Amino acid sequence: MSFYKNKQNHKIAYKSIKGRGLGIIFIHGLNSDMNGAKALTVERYAKKNKLNFIRFDCRGHGKSEGKFEEFTISDWKKDLLDIIDNVAKGPQMLIGSSMGGWLMMLAAKARPQRIKGLIGLAAAPDFGKDLYNSLNKKNKKEITTKSITKYTSCGFSYFITKKFFIEAEKNRVLKKPFRFTKPIILIHGLRDNVVKNDIPKKILKKVTGKNVNIIYLKESDHRLSSETDLKMITQSIDYIRSI
């Protein structure tokens, strides 16, 4: 385990492998961390192929500093950019899971020369409005009156703030054309009950580049962690490396 200390003196936990050629950065989802099956599968792939690889925890997640409710999508974008700018070397392929798919798109806009390809795993860009709409009346009232509420979904409970939604709106990537000409692969399970399966098509419509591929997996859910799912992820890495 290594730590990068940012300008706010916050520690961002990460693990890295030194290799050669195109680097890979794995970006976890909301309330997840860098130790999931997908991240570890990509790490094994990187070791086998002697590639540079980094997985990390956004602040408020995993081993990184802070509480979840202290941060927003703007902070997590900065975390990814700090990793790209200060830890990673050379061109990078970004692999983003759920919220990580949003972060990878924000990073591709901010660092277009460094990013050579994107793989979205149940990518969830611009989910702020949908998340707010899913709140019950009590949650919405507390957001208005207290600027924070305890939200429960899929068996998980966490605090979410008014600032979270404000920053989510500021960071939307699908309001305008998404100018990115490098390869993009979007993998999505048709049994995903968290991110709607029309999201990859919405992304496709906004991307200016022509090399965008959508892979729908009929029996897969939001986790995309079955043997078939993980194999599809590594095959997608192979494809982008081959271009």
C-alpha atoms as a PDB file:
ATOM      1  CA  MET A   1       0.000   0.000   0.000  1.00  0.00           C
ATOM      2  CA  SER A   2       1.283   3.442  -0.959  1.00  0.00           C
ATOM      3  CA  PHE A   3      -0.123   6.915  -0.297  1.00  0.00           C
ATOM      4  CA  TYR A   4      -0.124  10.096  -2.329  1.00  0.00           C
ATOM      5  CA  LYS A   5      -0.524  13.266  -0.253  1.00  0.00           C
ATOM      6  CA  ASN A   6      -2.446  15.951  -2.138  1.00  0.00           C
ATOM      7  CA  LYS A   7      -2.346  19.752  -1.736  1.00  0.00           C
ATOM      8  CA  GLN A   8      -4.841  19.525   1.153  1.00  0.00           C
ATOM      9  CA  ASN A   9      -2.500  17.057   2.909  1.00  0.00           C
ATOM     10  CA  HIS A  10      -5.079  14.309   2.411  1.00  0.00           C
ATOM     11  CA  LYS A  11      -3.714  10.828   1.828  1.00  0.00           C
ATOM     12  CA  ILE A  12      -4.925   8.902  -1.227  1.00  0.00           C
ATOM     13  CA  ALA A  13      -4.249   5.177  -0.929  1.00  0.00           C
ATOM     14  CA  TYR A  14      -3.100   3.307  -4.021  1.00  0.00           C
ATOM     15  CA  LYS A  15      -1.360   0.159  -5.192  1.00  0.00           C
ATOM     16  CA  SER A  16       0.768   0.068  -8.300  1.00  0.00           C
ATOM     17  CA  ILE A  17       2.687  -2.313 -10.513  1.00  0.00           C
ATOM     18  CA  LYS A  18       5.616  -1.241 -12.645  1.00  0.00           C
ATOM     19  CA  GLY A  19       5.675  -2.483 -16.196  1.00  0.00           C
ATOM     20  CA  ARG A  20       6.085  -1.112 -19.676  1.00  0.00           C
ATOM     21  CA  GLY A  21       4.036   0.472 -22.416  1.00  0.00           C
ATOM     22  CA  LEU A  22       0.446   1.576 -21.990  1.00  0.00           C
ATOM     23  CA  GLY A  23      -0.535   1.991 -18.348  1.00  0.00           C
ATOM     24  CA  ILE A  24      -3.893   1.060 -16.840  1.00  0.00           C
ATOM     25  CA  ILE A  25      -5.737   2.841 -14.038  1.00  0.00           C
ATOM     26  CA  PHE A  26      -8.777   1.212 -12.408  1.00  0.00           C
ATOM     27  CA  ILE A  27     -11.394   3.536 -10.892  1.00  0.00           C
ATOM     28  CA  HIS A  28     -13.908   2.090  -8.420  1.00  0.00           C
ATOM     29  CA  GLY A  29     -17.554   3.022  -7.973  1.00  0.00           C
ATOM     30  CA  LEU A  30     -19.569   4.925  -5.376  1.00  0.00           C
ATOM     31  CA  ASN A  31     -19.067   3.509  -1.864  1.00  0.00           C
ATOM     32  CA  SER A  32     -16.755   0.847  -3.241  1.00  0.00           C
ATOM     33  CA  ASP A  33     -12.953   0.577  -3.150  1.00  0.00           C
ATOM     34  CA  MET A  34      -9.918  -0.674  -5.046  1.00  0.00           C
ATOM     35  CA  ASN A  35     -10.160  -4.248  -3.739  1.00  0.00           C
ATOM     36  CA  GLY A  36     -13.091  -5.528  -5.797  1.00  0.00           C
ATOM     37  CA  ALA A  37     -12.982  -8.535  -8.122  1.00  0.00           C
ATOM     38  CA  LYS A  38     -12.780  -6.373 -11.249  1.00  0.00           C
ATOM     39  CA  ALA A  39      -9.826  -4.326 -10.005  1.00  0.00           C
ATOM     40  CA  LEU A  40      -7.942  -7.439  -8.891  1.00  0.00           C
ATOM     41  CA  THR A  41      -8.640  -9.156 -12.212  1.00  0.00           C
ATOM     42  CA  VAL A  42      -7.186  -6.226 -14.123  1.00  0.00           C
ATOM     43  CA  GLU A  43      -4.199  -6.223 -11.775  1.00  0.00           C
ATOM     44  CA  ARG A  44      -3.531  -9.892 -12.527  1.00  0.00           C
ATOM     45  CA  TYR A  45      -3.817  -9.128 -16.229  1.00  0.00           C
ATOM     46  CA  ALA A  46      -1.304  -6.288 -15.874  1.00  0.00           C
ATOM     47  CA  LYS A  47       1.160  -8.517 -14.009  1.00  0.00           C
ATOM     48  CA  LYS A  48       0.852 -11.247 -16.644  1.00  0.00           C
ATOM     49  CA  ASN A  49       1.425  -8.777 -19.462  1.00  0.00           C
ATOM     50  CA  LYS A  50       4.082  -6.731 -17.622  1.00  0.00           C
ATOM     51  CA  LEU A  51       2.069  -3.515 -17.819  1.00  0.00           C
ATOM     52  CA  ASN A  52       2.020  -0.466 -15.569  1.00  0.00           C
ATOM     53  CA  PHE A  53      -1.089  -0.591 -13.393  1.00  0.00           C
ATOM     54  CA  ILE A  54      -2.625   1.515 -10.630  1.00  0.00           C
ATOM     55  CA  ARG A  55      -5.722   1.019  -8.483  1.00  0.00           C
ATOM     56  CA  PHE A  56      -6.634   3.563  -5.819  1.00  0.00           C
ATOM     57  CA  ASP A  57      -9.286   4.635  -3.318  1.00  0.00           C
ATOM     58  CA  CYS A  58     -11.009   7.973  -3.769  1.00  0.00           C
ATOM     59  CA  ARG A  59     -11.092  10.048  -0.589  1.00  0.00           C
ATOM     60  CA  GLY A  60     -13.839   8.901   1.758  1.00  0.00           C
ATOM     61  CA  HIS A  61     -13.507   5.355   0.412  1.00  0.00           C
ATOM     62  CA  GLY A  62     -11.396   2.383   1.426  1.00  0.00           C
ATOM     63  CA  LYS A  63      -8.017   3.273   2.935  1.00  0.00           C
ATOM     64  CA  SER A  64      -7.959   6.869   1.716  1.00  0.00           C
ATOM     65  CA  GLU A  65      -8.476   9.804   4.051  1.00  0.00           C
ATOM     66  CA  GLY A  66     -11.796  11.271   5.170  1.00  0.00           C
ATOM     67  CA  LYS A  67     -15.453  10.376   5.560  1.00  0.00           C
ATOM     68  CA  PHE A  68     -17.599   9.714   2.502  1.00  0.00           C
ATOM     69  CA  GLU A  69     -19.961  12.627   3.147  1.00  0.00           C
ATOM     70  CA  GLU A  70     -17.080  15.116   3.217  1.00  0.00           C
ATOM     71  CA  PHE A  71     -16.485  14.739  -0.512  1.00  0.00           C
ATOM     72  CA  THR A  72     -18.209  15.073  -3.890  1.00  0.00           C
ATOM     73  CA  ILE A  73     -17.668  14.122  -7.518  1.00  0.00           C
ATOM     74  CA  SER A  74     -15.445  17.212  -7.876  1.00  0.00           C
ATOM     75  CA  ASP A  75     -13.113  15.903  -5.170  1.00  0.00           C
ATOM     76  CA  TRP A  76     -13.000  12.420  -6.656  1.00  0.00           C
ATOM     77  CA  LYS A  77     -12.216  13.879 -10.063  1.00  0.00           C
ATOM     78  CA  LYS A  78      -9.259  15.681  -8.452  1.00  0.00           C
ATOM     79  CA  ASP A  79      -8.148  12.396  -6.868  1.00  0.00           C
ATOM     80  CA  LEU A  80      -8.042  10.692 -10.261  1.00  0.00           C
ATOM     81  CA  LEU A  81      -6.225  13.627 -11.853  1.00  0.00           C
ATOM     82  CA  ASP A  82      -3.702  13.600  -8.996  1.00  0.00           C
ATOM     83  CA  ILE A  83      -3.031   9.924  -9.691  1.00  0.00           C
ATOM     84  CA  ILE A  84      -2.665  10.588 -13.430  1.00  0.00           C
ATOM     85  CA  ASP A  85      -0.434  13.641 -12.943  1.00  0.00           C
ATOM     86  CA  ASN A  86       1.738  12.522 -10.035  1.00  0.00           C
ATOM     87  CA  VAL A  87       1.788   8.726  -9.864  1.00  0.00           C
ATOM     88  CA  ALA A  88       1.148   7.353 -13.369  1.00  0.00           C
ATOM     89  CA  LYS A  89       3.737   7.586 -16.124  1.00  0.00           C
ATOM     90  CA  GLY A  90       3.044   7.927 -19.832  1.00  0.00           C
ATOM     91  CA  PRO A  91      -0.179   7.130 -21.732  1.00  0.00           C
ATOM     92  CA  GLN A  92      -3.014   5.550 -19.778  1.00  0.00           C
ATOM     93  CA  MET A  93      -6.085   3.404 -20.337  1.00  0.00           C
ATOM     94  CA  LEU A  94      -8.808   4.191 -17.821  1.00  0.00           C
ATOM     95  CA  ILE A  95     -11.210   1.507 -16.609  1.00  0.00           C
ATOM     96  CA  GLY A  96     -14.102   2.931 -14.628  1.00  0.00           C
ATOM     97  CA  SER A  97     -16.750   0.994 -12.714  1.00  0.00           C
ATOM     98  CA  SER A  98     -20.156   2.691 -12.255  1.00  0.00           C
ATOM     99  CA  MET A  99     -19.286   6.125 -10.813  1.00  0.00           C
ATOM    100  CA  GLY A 100     -15.733   5.388 -11.948  1.00  0.00           C
ATOM    101  CA  GLY A 101     -17.111   5.505 -15.489  1.00  0.00           C
ATOM    102  CA  TRP A 102     -18.168   9.096 -14.870  1.00  0.00           C
ATOM    103  CA  LEU A 103     -14.771   9.943 -13.406  1.00  0.00           C
ATOM    104  CA  MET A 104     -12.917   8.409 -16.351  1.00  0.00           C
ATOM    105  CA  MET A 105     -14.902  10.620 -18.747  1.00  0.00           C
ATOM    106  CA  LEU A 106     -14.131  13.725 -16.689  1.00  0.00           C
ATOM    107  CA  ALA A 107     -10.440  12.798 -16.708  1.00  0.00           C
ATOM    108  CA  ALA A 108     -10.484  12.172 -20.466  1.00  0.00           C
ATOM    109  CA  LYS A 109     -11.809  15.707 -20.957  1.00  0.00           C
ATOM    110  CA  ALA A 110      -9.224  17.188 -18.604  1.00  0.00           C
ATOM    111  CA  ARG A 111      -6.190  15.195 -19.816  1.00  0.00           C
ATOM    112  CA  PRO A 112      -6.947  14.210 -23.447  1.00  0.00           C
ATOM    113  CA  GLN A 113      -3.288  13.798 -24.383  1.00  0.00           C
ATOM    114  CA  ARG A 114      -2.624  11.316 -21.584  1.00  0.00           C
ATOM    115  CA  ILE A 115      -5.669   9.096 -22.072  1.00  0.00           C
ATOM    116  CA  LYS A 116      -5.485   6.523 -24.874  1.00  0.00           C
ATOM    117  CA  GLY A 117      -8.670   4.552 -24.231  1.00  0.00           C
ATOM    118  CA  LEU A 118     -11.656   4.104 -21.921  1.00  0.00           C
ATOM    119  CA  ILE A 119     -13.478   1.022 -20.675  1.00  0.00           C
ATOM    120  CA  GLY A 120     -16.716   1.713 -18.834  1.00  0.00           C
ATOM    121  CA  LEU A 121     -18.127  -1.040 -16.612  1.00  0.00           C
ATOM    122  CA  ALA A 122     -21.794  -0.198 -15.983  1.00  0.00           C
ATOM    123  CA  ALA A 123     -20.648   3.388 -16.455  1.00  0.00           C
ATOM    124  CA  ALA A 124     -22.858   5.896 -14.644  1.00  0.00           C
ATOM    125  CA  PRO A 125     -22.103   9.432 -15.822  1.00  0.00           C
ATOM    126  CA  ASP A 126     -24.341  12.271 -14.620  1.00  0.00           C
ATOM    127  CA  PHE A 127     -26.220  10.120 -12.086  1.00  0.00           C
ATOM    128  CA  GLY A 128     -26.849  12.989  -9.655  1.00  0.00           C
ATOM    129  CA  LYS A 129     -30.359  13.802 -10.865  1.00  0.00           C
ATOM    130  CA  ASP A 130     -31.446  10.148 -10.888  1.00  0.00           C
ATOM    131  CA  LEU A 131     -30.055   9.678  -7.384  1.00  0.00           C
ATOM    132  CA  TYR A 132     -31.910  12.735  -6.109  1.00  0.00           C
ATOM    133  CA  ASN A 133     -35.155  11.539  -7.710  1.00  0.00           C
ATOM    134  CA  SER A 134     -34.752   8.205  -5.927  1.00  0.00           C
ATOM    135  CA  LEU A 135     -34.770   9.902  -2.520  1.00  0.00           C
ATOM    136  CA  ASN A 136     -37.950   9.657  -0.462  1.00  0.00           C
ATOM    137  CA  LYS A 137     -39.774  12.733   0.859  1.00  0.00           C
ATOM    138  CA  LYS A 138     -37.965  12.606   4.187  1.00  0.00           C
ATOM    139  CA  ASN A 139     -34.559  12.475   2.483  1.00  0.00           C
ATOM    140  CA  LYS A 140     -35.408  15.401   0.207  1.00  0.00           C
ATOM    141  CA  LYS A 141     -36.713  17.477   3.118  1.00  0.00           C
ATOM    142  CA  GLU A 142     -33.537  16.835   5.115  1.00  0.00           C
ATOM    143  CA  ILE A 143     -31.394  17.808   2.131  1.00  0.00           C
ATOM    144  CA  THR A 144     -33.283  21.112   2.006  1.00  0.00           C
ATOM    145  CA  THR A 145     -33.390  21.830   5.739  1.00  0.00           C
ATOM    146  CA  LYS A 146     -30.226  20.159   7.050  1.00  0.00           C
ATOM    147  CA  SER A 147     -28.101  19.877   3.860  1.00  0.00           C
ATOM    148  CA  ILE A 148     -27.482  16.191   4.685  1.00  0.00           C
ATOM    149  CA  THR A 149     -29.510  12.988   4.873  1.00  0.00           C
ATOM    150  CA  LYS A 150     -28.967   9.300   5.539  1.00  0.00           C
ATOM    151  CA  TYR A 151     -29.695   7.379   2.352  1.00  0.00           C
ATOM    152  CA  THR A 152     -30.300   3.624   2.134  1.00  0.00           C
ATOM    153  CA  SER A 153     -30.140   1.640  -1.099  1.00  0.00           C
ATOM    154  CA  CYS A 154     -29.428  -1.989  -1.993  1.00  0.00           C
ATOM    155  CA  GLY A 155     -28.704  -2.791   1.644  1.00  0.00           C
ATOM    156  CA  PHE A 156     -26.165   0.024   2.074  1.00  0.00           C
ATOM    157  CA  SER A 157     -26.660   3.188   4.131  1.00  0.00           C
ATOM    158  CA  TYR A 158     -24.580   6.331   3.890  1.00  0.00           C
ATOM    159  CA  PHE A 159     -24.862  10.073   4.369  1.00  0.00           C
ATOM    160  CA  ILE A 160     -25.297  12.243   1.299  1.00  0.00           C
ATOM    161  CA  THR A 161     -25.174  16.023   1.200  1.00  0.00           C
ATOM    162  CA  LYS A 162     -26.741  18.915  -0.656  1.00  0.00           C
ATOM    163  CA  LYS A 163     -23.270  19.817  -1.888  1.00  0.00           C
ATOM    164  CA  PHE A 164     -22.997  16.365  -3.450  1.00  0.00           C
ATOM    165  CA  PHE A 165     -25.902  17.145  -5.770  1.00  0.00           C
ATOM    166  CA  ILE A 166     -24.686  20.670  -6.532  1.00  0.00           C
ATOM    167  CA  GLU A 167     -21.274  19.375  -7.598  1.00  0.00           C
ATOM    168  CA  ALA A 168     -22.841  16.512  -9.552  1.00  0.00           C
ATOM    169  CA  GLU A 169     -24.748  19.038 -11.647  1.00  0.00           C
ATOM    170  CA  LYS A 170     -21.575  21.053 -12.267  1.00  0.00           C
ATOM    171  CA  ASN A 171     -19.729  17.983 -13.538  1.00  0.00           C
ATOM    172  CA  ARG A 172     -22.232  16.607 -16.030  1.00  0.00           C
ATOM    173  CA  VAL A 173     -20.500  15.269 -19.146  1.00  0.00           C
ATOM    174  CA  LEU A 174     -23.460  14.434 -21.366  1.00  0.00           C
ATOM    175  CA  LYS A 175     -24.993  17.910 -21.654  1.00  0.00           C
ATOM    176  CA  LYS A 176     -22.693  18.651 -24.620  1.00  0.00           C
ATOM    177  CA  PRO A 177     -20.808  16.554 -27.188  1.00  0.00           C
ATOM    178  CA  PHE A 178     -18.084  14.499 -25.532  1.00  0.00           C
ATOM    179  CA  ARG A 179     -14.986  15.219 -27.598  1.00  0.00           C
ATOM    180  CA  PHE A 180     -12.877  12.074 -27.468  1.00  0.00           C
ATOM    181  CA  THR A 181     -11.502  10.248 -30.503  1.00  0.00           C
ATOM    182  CA  LYS A 182      -9.709   7.338 -28.813  1.00  0.00           C
ATOM    183  CA  PRO A 183     -11.376   3.920 -28.400  1.00  0.00           C
ATOM    184  CA  ILE A 184     -14.179   3.506 -25.878  1.00  0.00           C
ATOM    185  CA  ILE A 185     -15.749   0.215 -24.795  1.00  0.00           C
ATOM    186  CA  LEU A 186     -18.889   0.234 -22.653  1.00  0.00           C
ATOM    187  CA  ILE A 187     -19.772  -3.072 -20.960  1.00  0.00           C
ATOM    188  CA  HIS A 188     -23.225  -3.293 -19.413  1.00  0.00           C
ATOM    189  CA  GLY A 189     -25.307  -6.091 -17.908  1.00  0.00           C
ATOM    190  CA  LEU A 190     -28.933  -6.341 -18.995  1.00  0.00           C
ATOM    191  CA  ARG A 191     -29.824  -7.418 -15.433  1.00  0.00           C
ATOM    192  CA  ASP A 192     -28.325  -4.239 -13.975  1.00  0.00           C
ATOM    193  CA  ASN A 193     -30.906  -2.768 -11.578  1.00  0.00           C
ATOM    194  CA  VAL A 194     -28.716   0.183 -10.565  1.00  0.00           C
ATOM    195  CA  VAL A 195     -27.732   1.837 -13.861  1.00  0.00           C
ATOM    196  CA  LYS A 196     -30.273   1.778 -16.691  1.00  0.00           C
ATOM    197  CA  ASN A 197     -29.193  -0.114 -19.783  1.00  0.00           C
ATOM    198  CA  ASP A 198     -29.890   2.858 -22.058  1.00  0.00           C
ATOM    199  CA  ILE A 199     -26.972   4.792 -20.532  1.00  0.00           C
ATOM    200  CA  PRO A 200     -24.352   3.311 -22.924  1.00  0.00           C
ATOM    201  CA  LYS A 201     -26.476   4.458 -25.883  1.00  0.00           C
ATOM    202  CA  LYS A 202     -26.731   7.964 -24.393  1.00  0.00           C
ATOM    203  CA  ILE A 203     -22.941   8.046 -24.081  1.00  0.00           C
ATOM    204  CA  LEU A 204     -22.572   6.761 -27.656  1.00  0.00           C
ATOM    205  CA  LYS A 205     -24.720   9.608 -28.997  1.00  0.00           C
ATOM    206  CA  LYS A 206     -22.581  12.239 -27.302  1.00  0.00           C
ATOM    207  CA  VAL A 207     -19.117  10.915 -28.218  1.00  0.00           C
ATOM    208  CA  THR A 208     -17.566  12.630 -31.235  1.00  0.00           C
ATOM    209  CA  GLY A 209     -15.200   9.748 -32.038  1.00  0.00           C
ATOM    210  CA  LYS A 210     -16.152   6.765 -34.176  1.00  0.00           C
ATOM    211  CA  ASN A 211     -14.462   3.966 -32.228  1.00  0.00           C
ATOM    212  CA  VAL A 212     -17.132   3.388 -29.589  1.00  0.00           C
ATOM    213  CA  ASN A 213     -18.332  -0.121 -28.805  1.00  0.00           C
ATOM    214  CA  ILE A 214     -21.191  -1.235 -26.557  1.00  0.00           C
ATOM    215  CA  ILE A 215     -21.199  -4.768 -25.173  1.00  0.00           C
ATOM    216  CA  TYR A 216     -24.421  -5.927 -23.523  1.00  0.00           C
ATOM    217  CA  LEU A 217     -24.195  -9.055 -21.390  1.00  0.00           C
ATOM    218  CA  LYS A 218     -27.587 -10.760 -21.154  1.00  0.00           C
ATOM    219  CA  GLU A 219     -27.150 -12.541 -17.810  1.00  0.00           C
ATOM    220  CA  SER A 220     -25.017  -9.946 -16.021  1.00  0.00           C
ATOM    221  CA  ASP A 221     -25.947  -7.479 -13.273  1.00  0.00           C
ATOM    222  CA  HIS A 222     -24.400  -4.257 -11.994  1.00  0.00           C
ATOM    223  CA  ARG A 223     -21.456  -6.000 -10.376  1.00  0.00           C
ATOM    224  CA  LEU A 224     -20.061  -7.374 -13.670  1.00  0.00           C
ATOM    225  CA  SER A 225     -17.970  -9.778 -11.616  1.00  0.00           C
ATOM    226  CA  SER A 226     -18.850 -13.220 -12.987  1.00  0.00           C
ATOM    227  CA  GLU A 227     -16.232 -15.285 -14.795  1.00  0.00           C
ATOM    228  CA  THR A 228     -17.805 -14.290 -18.119  1.00  0.00           C
ATOM    229  CA  ASP A 229     -17.840 -10.609 -17.157  1.00  0.00           C
ATOM    230  CA  LEU A 230     -14.212 -10.606 -16.068  1.00  0.00           C
ATOM    231  CA  LYS A 231     -13.142 -12.367 -19.242  1.00  0.00           C
ATOM    232  CA  MET A 232     -14.948  -9.731 -21.310  1.00  0.00           C
ATOM    233  CA  ILE A 233     -13.088  -7.001 -19.428  1.00  0.00           C
ATOM    234  CA  THR A 234      -9.665  -8.487 -20.170  1.00  0.00           C
ATOM    235  CA  GLN A 235     -10.623  -9.066 -23.811  1.00  0.00           C
ATOM    236  CA  SER A 236     -11.590  -5.414 -24.039  1.00  0.00           C
ATOM    237  CA  ILE A 237      -8.175  -4.416 -22.691  1.00  0.00           C
ATOM    238  CA  ASP A 238      -6.603  -6.633 -25.362  1.00  0.00           C
ATOM    239  CA  TYR A 239      -8.604  -4.843 -28.043  1.00  0.00           C
ATOM    240  CA  ILE A 240      -7.586  -1.340 -27.003  1.00  0.00           C
ATOM    241  CA  ARG A 241      -3.939  -2.390 -26.631  1.00  0.00           C
ATOM    242  CA  SER A 242      -4.004  -3.790 -30.163  1.00  0.00           C
ATOM    243  CA  ILE A 243      -5.063  -0.497 -31.774  1.00  0.00           C
END
